Amino acid sequence: MKHASLDEAEFVKTAAKAFNEHPEYDSFGDLEEGSYLALRWGLDDDSVLLLKLADDFSPTIYDQVIKTESDRLRAQKNES
């Protein structure tokens, strides 16, 4: 099992935040060699597929890191 480096984890957090704030985004990142690229992933679009534009990087899926509409509704219900 591959463990995320701090750089990967921070990038995934940043990408998840961008996906939450911009539901129209399907990807996040740069297309420069060596850069990370996050793709919205999963049946509920609540996961991130992390790619790095480098030959020696294995793609990684981070499940359920993007808040969904049902998550937001559940949070609102718990607040009231």
N, C-alpha and C. Protein backbone atom coordinates (compact mmCIF):
# COMPACT_ATOMS: atom_id res chain seq x y z
N MET A 1 0.84 -1.18 0.00
CA MET A 1 0.00 0.00 0.00
C MET A 1 0.88 1.24 0.00
N LYS A 2 0.55 2.18 -0.85
CA LYS A 2 1.32 3.41 -0.96
C LYS A 2 0.79 4.44 0.04
N HIS A 3 1.67 5.08 0.77
CA HIS A 3 1.28 6.14 1.70
C HIS A 3 1.53 7.49 1.04
N ALA A 4 0.61 8.41 1.25
CA ALA A 4 0.72 9.73 0.64
C ALA A 4 1.80 10.54 1.32
N SER A 5 2.61 11.19 0.52
CA SER A 5 3.58 12.13 1.09
C SER A 5 2.83 13.39 1.51
N LEU A 6 3.48 14.21 2.31
CA LEU A 6 2.85 15.45 2.77
C LEU A 6 2.46 16.32 1.57
N ASP A 7 3.32 16.39 0.56
CA ASP A 7 3.00 17.18 -0.63
C ASP A 7 1.73 16.66 -1.30
N GLU A 8 1.62 15.33 -1.43
CA GLU A 8 0.44 14.73 -2.05
C GLU A 8 -0.80 15.04 -1.22
N ALA A 9 -0.72 14.83 0.09
CA ALA A 9 -1.86 15.04 0.96
C ALA A 9 -2.32 16.49 0.92
N GLU A 10 -1.39 17.42 0.95
CA GLU A 10 -1.74 18.85 0.89
C GLU A 10 -2.39 19.19 -0.45
N PHE A 11 -1.84 18.63 -1.54
CA PHE A 11 -2.41 18.89 -2.85
C PHE A 11 -3.83 18.34 -2.93
N VAL A 12 -4.06 17.13 -2.40
CA VAL A 12 -5.40 16.53 -2.42
C VAL A 12 -6.37 17.39 -1.62
N LYS A 13 -5.95 17.89 -0.45
CA LYS A 13 -6.81 18.78 0.35
C LYS A 13 -7.15 20.04 -0.43
N THR A 14 -6.17 20.61 -1.11
CA THR A 14 -6.40 21.82 -1.91
C THR A 14 -7.34 21.53 -3.07
N ALA A 15 -7.13 20.39 -3.73
CA ALA A 15 -8.00 20.01 -4.85
C ALA A 15 -9.43 19.76 -4.38
N ALA A 16 -9.59 19.05 -3.25
CA ALA A 16 -10.93 18.77 -2.72
C ALA A 16 -11.65 20.08 -2.39
N LYS A 17 -10.92 21.03 -1.82
CA LYS A 17 -11.50 22.34 -1.51
C LYS A 17 -11.95 23.04 -2.80
N ALA A 18 -11.12 23.00 -3.83
CA ALA A 18 -11.48 23.61 -5.12
C ALA A 18 -12.69 22.92 -5.73
N PHE A 19 -12.75 21.59 -5.65
CA PHE A 19 -13.90 20.85 -6.18
C PHE A 19 -15.17 21.19 -5.40
N ASN A 20 -15.05 21.36 -4.07
CA ASN A 20 -16.22 21.75 -3.26
C ASN A 20 -16.72 23.13 -3.64
N GLU A 21 -15.80 24.05 -3.84
CA GLU A 21 -16.17 25.43 -4.15
C GLU A 21 -16.61 25.63 -5.59
N HIS A 22 -16.19 24.73 -6.48
CA HIS A 22 -16.50 24.84 -7.91
C HIS A 22 -16.99 23.49 -8.43
N PRO A 23 -18.27 23.17 -8.22
CA PRO A 23 -18.80 21.87 -8.65
C PRO A 23 -18.63 21.60 -10.15
N GLU A 24 -18.41 22.64 -10.91
CA GLU A 24 -18.24 22.47 -12.36
C GLU A 24 -16.84 21.97 -12.72
N TYR A 25 -15.88 22.02 -11.80
CA TYR A 25 -14.52 21.55 -12.06
C TYR A 25 -14.49 20.02 -12.14
N ASP A 26 -13.85 19.49 -13.15
CA ASP A 26 -13.59 18.06 -13.26
C ASP A 26 -12.13 17.74 -13.04
N SER A 27 -11.28 18.77 -13.14
CA SER A 27 -9.85 18.57 -12.93
C SER A 27 -9.29 19.80 -12.22
N PHE A 28 -8.13 19.59 -11.59
CA PHE A 28 -7.48 20.67 -10.86
C PHE A 28 -5.98 20.42 -10.90
N GLY A 29 -5.21 21.43 -11.26
CA GLY A 29 -3.77 21.31 -11.27
C GLY A 29 -3.16 21.90 -12.52
N ASP A 30 -1.88 21.63 -12.67
CA ASP A 30 -1.11 22.13 -13.81
C ASP A 30 -0.78 21.00 -14.77
N LEU A 31 -0.42 21.36 -15.96
CA LEU A 31 -0.03 20.38 -16.97
C LEU A 31 1.47 20.42 -17.23
N GLU A 32 2.22 20.92 -16.27
CA GLU A 32 3.68 20.97 -16.38
C GLU A 32 4.27 19.64 -15.94
N GLU A 33 5.37 19.23 -16.55
CA GLU A 33 6.03 17.99 -16.16
C GLU A 33 6.41 18.05 -14.67
N GLY A 34 6.10 16.98 -13.95
CA GLY A 34 6.39 16.91 -12.53
C GLY A 34 5.29 17.46 -11.63
N SER A 35 4.24 18.04 -12.23
CA SER A 35 3.13 18.62 -11.46
C SER A 35 2.08 17.57 -11.14
N TYR A 36 1.32 17.82 -10.07
CA TYR A 36 0.17 16.98 -9.74
C TYR A 36 -1.04 17.43 -10.54
N LEU A 37 -1.91 16.48 -10.83
CA LEU A 37 -3.17 16.74 -11.50
C LEU A 37 -4.23 15.90 -10.79
N ALA A 38 -5.28 16.55 -10.32
CA ALA A 38 -6.36 15.86 -9.62
C ALA A 38 -7.57 15.79 -10.55
N LEU A 39 -8.19 14.62 -10.63
CA LEU A 39 -9.42 14.43 -11.40
C LEU A 39 -10.54 14.05 -10.44
N ARG A 40 -11.70 14.69 -10.60
CA ARG A 40 -12.87 14.30 -9.82
C ARG A 40 -13.20 12.86 -10.19
N TRP A 41 -13.54 12.03 -9.20
CA TRP A 41 -13.63 10.59 -9.43
C TRP A 41 -14.73 9.98 -8.58
N GLY A 42 -15.22 8.83 -8.95
CA GLY A 42 -16.16 8.08 -8.14
C GLY A 42 -17.60 8.24 -8.60
N LEU A 43 -18.45 7.32 -8.15
CA LEU A 43 -19.86 7.35 -8.53
C LEU A 43 -20.56 8.61 -8.06
N ASP A 44 -20.20 9.10 -6.89
CA ASP A 44 -20.81 10.32 -6.36
C ASP A 44 -19.96 11.56 -6.60
N ASP A 45 -18.92 11.42 -7.43
CA ASP A 45 -17.98 12.53 -7.67
C ASP A 45 -17.41 13.05 -6.36
N ASP A 46 -17.17 12.15 -5.39
CA ASP A 46 -16.68 12.57 -4.08
C ASP A 46 -15.26 12.10 -3.80
N SER A 47 -14.60 11.60 -4.83
CA SER A 47 -13.24 11.11 -4.69
C SER A 47 -12.32 11.85 -5.65
N VAL A 48 -11.02 11.71 -5.40
CA VAL A 48 -10.01 12.36 -6.24
C VAL A 48 -9.04 11.30 -6.74
N LEU A 49 -8.81 11.29 -8.04
CA LEU A 49 -7.76 10.48 -8.63
C LEU A 49 -6.56 11.41 -8.79
N LEU A 50 -5.48 11.10 -8.09
CA LEU A 50 -4.29 11.94 -8.12
C LEU A 50 -3.29 11.37 -9.11
N LEU A 51 -2.89 12.21 -10.04
CA LEU A 51 -1.87 11.86 -11.02
C LEU A 51 -0.70 12.83 -10.84
N LYS A 52 0.46 12.38 -11.20
CA LYS A 52 1.62 13.27 -11.27
C LYS A 52 2.20 13.07 -12.66
N LEU A 53 2.46 14.14 -13.31
CA LEU A 53 2.95 14.07 -14.68
C LEU A 53 4.44 13.75 -14.66
N ALA A 54 4.71 12.49 -14.30
CA ALA A 54 6.08 11.98 -14.21
C ALA A 54 6.04 10.48 -14.48
N ASP A 55 7.10 9.96 -15.05
CA ASP A 55 7.16 8.55 -15.42
C ASP A 55 7.14 7.60 -14.22
N ASP A 56 7.63 8.05 -13.08
CA ASP A 56 7.79 7.14 -11.93
C ASP A 56 6.69 7.27 -10.88
N PHE A 57 5.54 7.82 -11.24
CA PHE A 57 4.46 8.03 -10.27
C PHE A 57 3.29 7.10 -10.56
N SER A 58 2.79 6.45 -9.53
CA SER A 58 1.60 5.59 -9.66
C SER A 58 0.37 6.39 -9.24
N PRO A 59 -0.68 6.39 -10.07
CA PRO A 59 -1.92 7.11 -9.71
C PRO A 59 -2.47 6.61 -8.38
N THR A 60 -3.09 7.51 -7.63
CA THR A 60 -3.66 7.19 -6.33
C THR A 60 -5.08 7.73 -6.27
N ILE A 61 -6.01 6.93 -5.74
CA ILE A 61 -7.39 7.37 -5.56
C ILE A 61 -7.61 7.67 -4.08
N TYR A 62 -8.13 8.85 -3.80
CA TYR A 62 -8.50 9.26 -2.45
C TYR A 62 -10.02 9.28 -2.40
N ASP A 63 -10.60 8.29 -1.69
CA ASP A 63 -12.05 8.13 -1.64
C ASP A 63 -12.71 9.13 -0.70
N GLN A 64 -13.86 9.63 -1.15
CA GLN A 64 -14.77 10.45 -0.35
C GLN A 64 -14.09 11.63 0.33
N VAL A 65 -13.29 12.37 -0.42
CA VAL A 65 -12.64 13.57 0.11
C VAL A 65 -13.36 14.85 -0.32
N ILE A 66 -14.33 14.72 -1.22
CA ILE A 66 -15.11 15.86 -1.70
C ILE A 66 -16.49 15.78 -1.07
N LYS A 67 -16.94 16.85 -0.46
CA LYS A 67 -18.27 16.86 0.13
C LYS A 67 -19.31 16.80 -0.96
N THR A 68 -20.34 15.98 -0.75
CA THR A 68 -21.43 15.85 -1.71
C THR A 68 -22.64 16.63 -1.20
N GLU A 69 -23.64 16.74 -2.02
CA GLU A 69 -24.86 17.43 -1.63
C GLU A 69 -25.50 16.74 -0.43
N SER A 70 -25.48 15.42 -0.39
CA SER A 70 -26.05 14.71 0.76
C SER A 70 -25.26 14.99 2.03
N ASP A 71 -23.95 15.17 1.93
CA ASP A 71 -23.14 15.56 3.09
C ASP A 71 -23.56 16.93 3.60
N ARG A 72 -23.79 17.86 2.68
CA ARG A 72 -24.19 19.21 3.07
C ARG A 72 -25.57 19.20 3.73
N LEU A 73 -26.51 18.42 3.17
CA LEU A 73 -27.84 18.34 3.75
C LEU A 73 -27.80 17.71 5.14
N ARG A 74 -26.98 16.67 5.30
CA ARG A 74 -26.83 16.02 6.60
C ARG A 74 -26.26 17.00 7.63
N ALA A 75 -25.29 17.81 7.23
CA ALA A 75 -24.70 18.80 8.14
C ALA A 75 -25.72 19.86 8.52
N GLN A 76 -26.53 20.31 7.57
CA GLN A 76 -27.57 21.30 7.87
C GLN A 76 -28.58 20.72 8.84
N LYS A 77 -28.98 19.48 8.64
CA LYS A 77 -29.96 18.82 9.51
C LYS A 77 -29.40 18.71 10.93
N ASN A 78 -28.13 18.39 11.07
CA ASN A 78 -27.50 18.25 12.39
C ASN A 78 -27.36 19.59 13.10
N GLU A 79 -27.26 20.68 12.33
CA GLU A 79 -27.13 22.01 12.93
C GLU A 79 -28.45 22.50 13.51
N SER A 80 -29.57 22.01 12.98
CA SER A 80 -30.87 22.50 13.46
C SER A 80 -31.46 21.67 14.56
